[in-house]
Protein backbone atom coordinates (compact mmCIF):
# COMPACT_ATOMS: atom_id res chain seq x y z
CA UNK A 1 187.65 281.74 228.99
CA UNK A 2 184.49 279.63 229.13
CA UNK A 3 186.35 276.89 227.32
CA UNK A 4 188.84 276.63 230.21
CA UNK A 5 186.31 276.94 233.05
CA UNK A 6 185.52 273.19 233.38
CA UNK A 7 189.24 272.38 233.43
CA UNK A 8 189.94 275.02 236.06
CA UNK A 9 187.15 273.63 238.26
CA UNK A 10 188.44 270.08 237.95
CA UNK A 11 192.10 271.01 238.38
CA UNK A 12 192.24 271.34 242.23
CA UNK A 13 190.88 267.84 243.02
CA UNK A 14 193.02 266.35 240.25
CA UNK A 15 196.13 267.98 241.72
CA UNK A 16 195.23 266.75 245.20
CA UNK A 17 194.59 263.22 243.87
CA UNK A 18 197.86 263.22 241.98
CA UNK A 19 199.84 264.39 245.00
CA UNK A 20 198.23 261.96 247.46
CA UNK A 21 197.79 258.85 245.29
CA UNK A 22 199.52 258.91 241.92
CA UNK A 23 202.89 260.33 242.97
CA UNK A 24 203.30 257.98 246.00
CA UNK A 25 202.36 255.03 243.80
CA UNK A 26 204.91 255.95 241.14
CA UNK A 27 207.55 256.57 243.81
CA UNK A 28 206.74 253.18 245.35
CA UNK A 29 207.20 251.47 241.98
CA UNK A 30 210.51 253.28 241.44
CA UNK A 31 211.64 252.35 244.95
CA UNK A 32 210.82 248.67 244.40
CA UNK A 33 213.14 248.58 241.37
CA UNK A 34 216.14 249.94 243.24
CA UNK A 35 218.37 249.20 246.18
CA UNK A 36 217.22 251.66 248.81
CA UNK A 37 220.63 252.10 250.46
CA UNK A 38 222.73 252.54 247.31
CA UNK A 39 220.07 253.74 244.84
CA UNK A 40 221.32 251.15 242.34
CA UNK A 41 218.79 249.89 239.81
CA UNK A 42 218.16 246.18 240.51
CA UNK A 43 215.15 245.54 238.29
CA UNK A 44 212.85 242.78 239.50
CA UNK A 45 215.27 241.50 242.13
CA UNK A 46 213.04 242.54 245.04
CA UNK A 47 210.02 240.85 243.45
CA UNK A 48 211.99 237.65 242.86
CA UNK A 49 213.10 237.75 246.47
CA UNK A 50 209.48 237.99 247.58
CA UNK A 51 208.65 234.83 245.65
CA UNK A 52 211.36 233.00 247.59
CA UNK A 53 210.40 234.48 250.96
CA UNK A 54 208.58 231.85 253.07
CA UNK A 55 207.70 234.43 255.71
CA UNK A 56 205.87 236.51 253.13
CA UNK A 57 203.70 233.57 252.12
CA UNK A 58 203.16 232.69 255.77
CA UNK A 59 201.87 236.21 256.43
CA UNK A 60 199.73 235.96 253.29
CA UNK A 61 198.16 232.71 254.57
CA UNK A 62 197.59 234.24 258.00
CA UNK A 63 195.96 237.27 256.38
CA UNK A 64 193.72 235.02 254.29
CA UNK A 65 192.58 233.16 257.41
CA UNK A 66 191.93 236.41 259.24
CA UNK A 67 190.06 238.08 256.38
CA UNK A 68 187.89 235.05 255.59
CA UNK A 69 187.13 234.43 259.26
CA UNK A 70 186.14 238.01 260.03
CA UNK A 71 184.08 238.39 256.86
CA UNK A 72 182.07 235.22 257.43
CA UNK A 73 181.43 235.86 261.12
CA UNK A 74 180.62 239.55 260.75
CA UNK A 75 178.25 239.08 257.80
CA UNK A 76 176.39 236.11 259.30
CA UNK A 77 176.18 237.54 262.82
CA UNK A 78 175.30 241.05 261.66
CA UNK A 79 172.61 239.73 259.32
CA UNK A 80 171.18 237.44 262.00
CA UNK A 81 170.98 240.26 264.54
CA UNK A 82 169.42 242.60 261.99
CA UNK A 83 166.72 240.04 261.23
CA UNK A 84 166.16 239.43 264.95
CA UNK A 85 165.74 243.12 265.77
CA UNK A 86 163.64 243.75 262.66
CA UNK A 87 161.20 240.95 263.44
CA UNK A 88 160.98 241.16 267.22
CA UNK A 89 161.50 244.78 268.29
CA UNK A 90 158.74 247.13 267.14
CA UNK A 91 159.14 249.95 269.65
CA UNK A 92 160.84 253.03 268.29
CA UNK A 93 162.69 253.90 271.50
CA UNK A 94 163.90 250.31 271.88
CA UNK A 95 165.30 250.33 268.35
CA UNK A 96 166.99 253.65 269.03
CA UNK A 97 168.64 252.17 272.11
CA UNK A 98 169.87 249.24 270.03
CA UNK A 99 171.32 251.65 267.45
CA UNK A 100 173.21 253.55 270.14
CA UNK A 101 174.60 250.37 271.69
CA UNK A 102 175.82 249.16 268.30
CA UNK A 103 177.47 252.50 267.55
CA UNK A 104 179.72 252.35 270.63
CA UNK A 105 182.17 249.74 269.22
CA UNK A 106 182.37 251.54 265.87
CA UNK A 107 183.50 254.83 267.44
CA UNK A 108 186.03 253.13 269.74
CA UNK A 109 189.62 253.72 268.51
CA UNK A 110 191.28 250.47 267.35
CA UNK A 111 194.17 251.06 269.74
CA UNK A 112 191.76 251.32 272.67
CA UNK A 113 189.95 248.19 271.48
CA UNK A 114 193.27 246.33 271.41
CA UNK A 115 194.17 247.46 274.93
CA UNK A 116 190.75 246.40 276.26
CA UNK A 117 191.06 243.03 274.56
CA UNK A 118 194.54 242.52 276.01
CA UNK A 119 193.15 243.09 279.50
CA UNK A 120 190.41 240.54 278.75
CA UNK A 121 192.67 237.82 277.36
CA UNK A 122 195.67 238.30 279.68
CA UNK A 123 196.38 235.20 281.84
CA UNK A 124 196.08 235.26 285.66
CA UNK A 125 194.12 238.50 286.00
CA UNK A 126 192.37 238.60 282.62
CA UNK A 127 188.60 239.00 282.84
CA UNK A 128 187.85 236.02 280.61
CA UNK A 129 189.94 233.52 282.56
CA UNK A 130 188.53 234.77 285.86
CA UNK A 131 184.94 234.32 284.66
CA UNK A 132 185.64 230.86 283.24
CA UNK A 133 187.28 229.77 286.51
CA UNK A 134 184.38 231.04 288.62
CA UNK A 135 181.78 229.13 286.59
CA UNK A 136 183.94 226.00 286.78
CA UNK A 137 184.73 225.62 283.07
CA UNK A 138 188.52 225.76 283.56
CA UNK A 139 190.90 225.06 286.43
CA UNK A 140 194.08 226.59 285.06
CA UNK A 141 194.57 229.76 283.08
CA UNK A 142 194.26 229.57 279.30
CA UNK A 143 197.13 231.32 277.55
CA UNK A 144 194.92 232.98 274.96
CA UNK A 145 197.67 235.04 273.34
CA UNK A 146 200.37 232.36 273.48
CA UNK A 147 198.71 229.63 271.40
CA UNK A 148 198.22 229.94 267.62
CA UNK A 149 194.50 229.08 267.51
CA UNK A 150 193.47 231.14 270.52
CA UNK A 151 195.61 234.10 269.41
CA UNK A 152 193.92 234.11 266.01
CA UNK A 153 190.56 233.84 267.76
CA UNK A 154 191.47 236.81 269.96
CA UNK A 155 192.38 239.16 267.11
CA UNK A 156 189.32 238.08 265.08
CA UNK A 157 187.03 238.63 268.08
CA UNK A 158 188.17 242.25 268.40
CA UNK A 159 187.42 242.96 264.74
CA UNK A 160 184.04 241.24 265.01
CA UNK A 161 183.14 243.20 268.13
CA UNK A 162 184.10 246.50 266.54
CA UNK A 163 182.76 246.13 262.99
CA UNK A 164 179.94 243.60 263.10
CA UNK A 165 177.66 246.53 264.13
CA UNK A 166 178.42 248.14 260.75
CA UNK A 167 177.04 245.05 259.00
CA UNK A 168 174.06 245.07 261.35
CA UNK A 169 173.21 248.70 260.63
CA UNK A 170 173.50 248.29 256.86
CA UNK A 171 171.38 245.12 256.84
CA UNK A 172 168.80 246.63 259.15
CA UNK A 173 168.52 249.67 256.89
CA UNK A 174 167.97 247.34 253.94
CA UNK A 175 165.23 245.46 255.79
CA UNK A 176 163.33 248.73 256.22
CA UNK A 177 162.85 248.79 252.44
CA UNK A 178 160.94 245.47 252.47
CA UNK A 179 157.22 246.22 251.89
CA UNK A 180 155.29 245.40 255.05
CA UNK A 181 152.22 244.21 253.17
CA UNK A 182 154.30 241.78 251.11
CA UNK A 183 155.89 240.28 254.23
CA UNK A 184 152.51 240.02 255.98
CA UNK A 185 150.98 238.34 252.93
CA UNK A 186 153.80 235.79 252.89
CA UNK A 187 153.21 235.01 256.58
CA UNK A 188 149.49 234.57 255.97
CA UNK A 189 150.29 232.16 253.14
CA UNK A 190 152.28 230.04 255.59
CA UNK A 191 155.86 231.16 254.90
CA UNK A 192 158.18 230.35 257.79
CA UNK A 193 161.13 232.50 258.83
CA UNK A 194 163.59 230.97 256.37
CA UNK A 195 161.26 231.20 253.37
CA UNK A 196 160.36 234.75 254.29
CA UNK A 197 164.04 235.66 254.31
CA UNK A 198 164.92 233.69 251.17
CA UNK A 199 162.12 234.92 248.90
CA UNK A 200 161.07 238.28 250.35
CA UNK A 201 163.87 239.89 252.39
CA UNK A 202 167.05 238.57 250.76
CA UNK A 203 166.43 240.21 247.34
CA UNK A 204 166.46 243.60 249.08
CA UNK A 205 169.69 242.78 250.94
CA UNK A 206 171.68 241.06 248.20
CA UNK A 207 173.42 244.13 246.75
CA UNK A 208 173.91 245.62 250.24
CA UNK A 209 175.62 242.46 251.45
CA UNK A 210 178.03 242.53 248.52
CA UNK A 211 178.75 246.20 249.20
CA UNK A 212 179.41 245.39 252.86
CA UNK A 213 181.80 242.62 251.83
CA UNK A 214 183.72 245.03 249.61
CA UNK A 215 184.13 247.55 252.43
CA UNK A 216 184.97 244.99 255.08
CA UNK A 217 187.42 243.14 252.81
CA UNK A 218 189.45 246.29 252.20
CA UNK A 219 189.42 247.13 255.92
CA UNK A 220 190.36 243.70 257.24
CA UNK A 221 193.10 243.23 254.65
CA UNK A 222 194.97 246.28 255.99
CA UNK A 223 194.35 245.63 259.69
CA UNK A 224 197.18 246.75 261.93
CA UNK A 225 196.33 248.71 265.09
CA UNK A 226 194.63 246.28 267.44
CA UNK A 227 196.74 243.32 266.26
CA UNK A 228 199.96 245.19 267.00
CA UNK A 229 198.70 246.05 270.49
CA UNK A 230 197.18 242.65 271.24
CA UNK A 231 199.70 240.12 269.91
CA UNK A 232 202.41 242.04 268.05
CA UNK A 233 202.17 239.36 265.35
CA UNK A 234 202.72 236.46 267.74
CA UNK A 235 202.89 233.82 268.91
CA UNK A 236 205.72 233.28 266.47
CA UNK A 237 204.26 234.63 263.25
CA UNK A 238 200.73 233.29 263.67
CA UNK A 239 199.10 236.73 263.57
CA UNK A 240 201.83 238.49 261.62
CA UNK A 241 199.57 239.69 258.83
CA UNK A 242 200.81 241.42 255.70
CA UNK A 243 200.42 244.87 257.21
CA UNK A 244 202.55 243.91 260.22
CA UNK A 245 205.13 242.13 258.04
CA UNK A 246 205.47 245.18 255.82
CA UNK A 247 205.86 247.34 258.91
CA UNK A 248 208.69 245.15 260.21
CA UNK A 249 210.48 245.07 256.86
CA UNK A 250 210.22 248.82 256.34
CA UNK A 251 210.65 250.31 259.81
CA UNK A 252 212.46 247.66 261.82
CA UNK A 253 214.85 246.23 259.23
CA UNK A 254 214.84 249.44 257.13
CA UNK A 255 214.63 247.60 253.81
CA UNK A 256 212.27 250.03 252.12
CA UNK A 257 212.87 248.70 248.61
CA UNK A 258 211.82 245.19 249.55
CA UNK A 259 208.84 246.56 251.49
CA UNK A 260 207.81 248.54 248.41
CA UNK A 261 207.91 245.39 246.28
CA UNK A 262 205.83 243.49 248.84
CA UNK A 263 203.31 246.33 248.97
CA UNK A 264 202.84 246.07 245.20
CA UNK A 265 202.12 242.35 245.61
CA UNK A 266 199.52 243.28 248.21
CA UNK A 267 198.08 245.91 245.86
CA UNK A 268 197.78 243.31 243.11
CA UNK A 269 196.03 240.77 245.35
CA UNK A 270 193.58 243.30 246.75
CA UNK A 271 192.86 244.70 243.28
CA UNK A 272 192.00 241.25 241.95
CA UNK A 273 189.73 240.47 244.89
CA UNK A 274 188.13 243.91 244.72
CA UNK A 275 187.47 243.57 240.98
CA UNK A 276 185.79 240.19 241.50
CA UNK A 277 183.53 241.53 244.25
CA UNK A 278 182.81 244.68 242.25
CA UNK A 279 181.82 242.64 239.23
CA UNK A 280 179.28 240.68 241.28
CA UNK A 281 178.08 243.92 242.86
CA UNK A 282 177.63 245.49 239.45
CA UNK A 283 175.55 242.55 238.29
CA UNK A 284 173.31 242.77 241.32
CA UNK A 285 172.78 246.51 240.92
CA UNK A 286 172.02 246.17 237.20
CA UNK A 287 169.43 243.50 237.93
């Protein structure tokens, strides 16, 4: 009986993992090789169709722009704010207040964030246009959600508002590990802010930043909620990211086989990107 005890202990999570991950994946692969309506085996037809689908590549490009834009802005802005708070705010209660303020966006549901953003960017009575008109920066309403560049800016701004605090909190936690005496010695030796960050603080943040990029990459790549509420993929297909395109194919046009094939393409792309980031992360941790 002792010989079977380890297997019996491991069995429940393995069964749960198989039912929630492995079986859906195998079913998805099987579905991608068939015609969903007739059940006929069509082989790689759905994958070949994806390679000839210009809308799929358009959504892939839009997703790449969105992911790269959000990652760069969130990492740079979150790191800059973490350094600012770490170097300027010493009071414990003041730092606690900052933590609480930065937690508010993170606990806001994405749907609610999308609705709030829609009220901000809506023409005529939107808060942003009203403020810009009152300070004299514009004379006519800007159609934020009707132009490609401003629509992309709008959806990126919501993600930055909601998840830049996560980067801030992780970076600020990493800065707490920097030895105070080492930083003070560097200042006494004449190190300015950039040199202090480059040679003293950055080595403590390097692995954390890569870890943040891994988490944020996986999250931004599957974004759906606030984009669906804010733009619905428009104008045209400017913000029709892969998640929205898959949703339309599967639940609006009811072509589940083609959607399954596209999802496997997405899985391949994310797996490659994740493996690259994980490899760099593993190097940093081993060092």
